[in-house]
Amino acid sequence: MNNLKDLKIWNKAVDLTTEVYEATSSFPAEERFGLVSQIRRAAVSIPSNIAEGAGRNSAREFSHFLGMANGSSYELQTQLIISSKLNLLNHEVSERLLGHIEELQKMTYSFLTTLGFKSQSSDLASPN
C-alpha cells in the first residue's frame, strides 16, 4: 500500500527504537529479562506494526495496525516512566524518549484521521 521508507512515522519509530535500545543497554543485568525485555519488545512493536499495516491492502487494515502501534507506544511510555521512577533511566534521557513517544502518538492520531479513522484513545485523552 505504501512505500515504507517514505513514511515519516515509520522512520521516527525506527529512530525511537534505536534510542530505546541504547538507553536500556546500561540497565542492571538483573533487569535483562524484566524491564529491558519488555521495553525493547514494546519499542520494536511500534515500527513493526506500522510496517505491517503499510503492507496491507486497505486503509481499514492500515488503521488497525496503526492502532496497534499506538497501543505499543503507550505501553512503552508507561515502562519508561516506571524505569525513571526506579532511577534506572536518567531524567534527561527519559524526557527525551517520552517526548519522541508523544510526537509519535500525535502523528499516529493525525494519520488515522487522514485515513478517515479516529484513534481509539481519543475518547480517553486528547493528543494535545
Protein backbone atom coordinates (compact mmCIF):
# COMPACT_ATOMS: atom_id res chain seq x y z
CA MET A 1 0.00 0.00 0.00
CA ASN A 2 2.77 2.46 0.92
CA ASN A 3 6.50 2.78 0.34
CA LEU A 4 7.69 2.10 3.85
CA LYS A 5 10.92 4.09 3.68
CA ASP A 6 8.93 7.18 2.68
CA LEU A 7 6.71 7.05 5.77
CA LYS A 8 7.91 9.70 8.20
CA ILE A 9 6.07 8.00 11.08
CA TRP A 10 7.84 4.68 10.41
CA ASN A 11 11.27 6.38 10.23
CA LYS A 12 10.65 8.18 13.52
CA ALA A 13 9.54 4.93 15.14
CA VAL A 14 12.71 3.17 13.94
CA ASP A 15 14.81 6.02 15.36
CA LEU A 16 12.93 5.81 18.67
CA THR A 17 13.55 2.07 18.85
CA THR A 18 17.28 2.57 18.27
CA GLU A 19 17.38 5.19 21.04
CA VAL A 20 15.48 2.88 23.40
CA TYR A 21 17.96 0.07 22.79
CA GLU A 22 20.84 2.43 23.53
CA ALA A 23 19.16 3.80 26.67
CA THR A 24 18.40 0.35 28.09
CA SER A 25 21.88 -1.03 27.44
CA SER A 26 23.04 0.46 30.75
CA PHE A 27 20.23 -1.09 32.83
CA PRO A 28 21.38 -3.54 35.52
CA ALA A 29 21.87 -7.17 34.45
CA GLU A 30 19.01 -8.31 36.71
CA GLU A 31 16.59 -6.31 34.54
CA ARG A 32 17.70 -8.04 31.32
CA PHE A 33 14.71 -10.38 31.36
CA GLY A 34 12.42 -7.91 33.13
CA LEU A 35 12.01 -4.29 32.14
CA VAL A 36 14.68 -4.31 29.42
CA SER A 37 12.96 -7.14 27.58
CA GLN A 38 9.50 -5.57 27.97
CA ILE A 39 10.69 -2.11 26.94
CA ARG A 40 12.52 -3.36 23.87
CA ARG A 41 9.60 -5.51 22.73
CA ALA A 42 7.21 -2.58 23.03
CA ALA A 43 9.62 -0.30 21.16
CA VAL A 44 10.17 -2.77 18.31
CA SER A 45 6.43 -3.35 18.08
CA ILE A 46 5.80 0.27 17.07
CA PRO A 47 7.65 0.38 13.72
CA SER A 48 6.85 -3.30 13.10
CA ASN A 49 3.10 -2.68 13.29
CA ILE A 50 3.40 0.42 11.12
CA ALA A 51 5.31 -1.66 8.56
CA GLU A 52 2.76 -4.47 8.64
CA GLY A 53 -0.09 -2.01 8.20
CA ALA A 54 1.67 -0.29 5.32
CA GLY A 55 1.89 -3.63 3.57
CA ARG A 56 -1.83 -4.28 3.81
CA ASN A 57 -4.35 -3.71 1.05
CA SER A 58 -6.76 -1.22 2.59
CA ALA A 59 -6.91 1.89 4.73
CA ARG A 60 -9.02 -0.05 7.25
CA GLU A 61 -6.30 -2.68 7.68
CA PHE A 62 -3.62 0.01 7.88
CA SER A 63 -5.59 1.84 10.55
CA HIS A 64 -5.87 -1.36 12.59
CA PHE A 65 -2.07 -1.73 12.67
CA LEU A 66 -1.59 1.97 13.39
CA GLY A 67 -3.84 1.42 16.39
CA MET A 68 -1.66 -1.49 17.48
CA ALA A 69 1.46 0.67 17.10
CA ASN A 70 -0.21 3.40 19.16
CA GLY A 71 -1.05 0.89 21.90
CA SER A 72 2.58 -0.21 21.98
CA SER A 73 3.67 3.41 22.28
CA TYR A 74 1.53 3.81 25.41
CA GLU A 75 2.96 0.58 26.79
CA LEU A 76 6.49 1.86 26.13
CA GLN A 77 5.65 5.22 27.68
CA THR A 78 4.48 3.50 30.87
CA GLN A 79 7.55 1.29 31.09
CA LEU A 80 9.91 4.23 30.63
CA ILE A 81 8.12 6.20 33.35
CA ILE A 82 8.48 3.22 35.69
CA SER A 83 12.17 2.92 34.77
CA SER A 84 12.68 6.59 35.52
CA LYS A 85 10.91 6.31 38.88
CA LEU A 86 13.19 3.36 39.73
CA ASN A 87 16.21 5.51 38.78
CA LEU A 88 17.19 3.07 36.03
CA LEU A 89 16.93 5.82 33.43
CA ASN A 90 18.23 9.32 33.98
CA HIS A 91 15.76 12.20 33.81
CA GLU A 92 17.20 13.79 30.66
CA VAL A 93 17.10 10.55 28.64
CA SER A 94 13.65 9.73 29.97
CA GLU A 95 12.24 13.14 28.99
CA ARG A 96 13.78 12.94 25.51
CA LEU A 97 12.33 9.47 24.87
CA LEU A 98 8.93 10.40 26.28
CA GLY A 99 8.92 13.47 24.01
CA HIS A 100 9.59 11.27 20.98
CA ILE A 101 6.79 8.93 22.03
CA GLU A 102 4.35 11.81 22.44
CA GLU A 103 5.28 13.08 18.97
CA LEU A 104 4.65 9.60 17.51
CA GLN A 105 1.29 9.40 19.28
CA LYS A 106 0.26 12.72 17.74
CA MET A 107 1.46 11.58 14.33
CA THR A 108 -0.50 8.34 14.66
CA TYR A 109 -3.66 10.22 15.63
CA SER A 110 -3.18 12.54 12.66
CA PHE A 111 -2.52 9.65 10.29
CA LEU A 112 -5.65 7.83 11.49
CA THR A 113 -7.66 10.99 10.98
CA THR A 114 -6.22 11.37 7.46
CA LEU A 115 -7.20 7.77 6.71
CA GLY A 116 -10.71 8.57 7.92
CA PHE A 117 -10.50 6.84 11.30
CA LYS A 118 -10.33 8.23 14.79
CA SER A 119 -7.83 6.92 17.31
CA GLN A 120 -9.44 4.71 19.95
CA SER A 121 -7.58 6.63 22.63
CA SER A 122 -9.16 9.91 21.51
CA ASP A 123 -12.14 9.14 23.72
CA LEU A 124 -9.88 8.90 26.77
CA ALA A 125 -7.41 11.71 26.30
CA SER A 126 -6.74 14.40 23.75
CA PRO A 127 -3.43 14.20 21.89
CA ASN A 128 -2.83 17.92 22.68
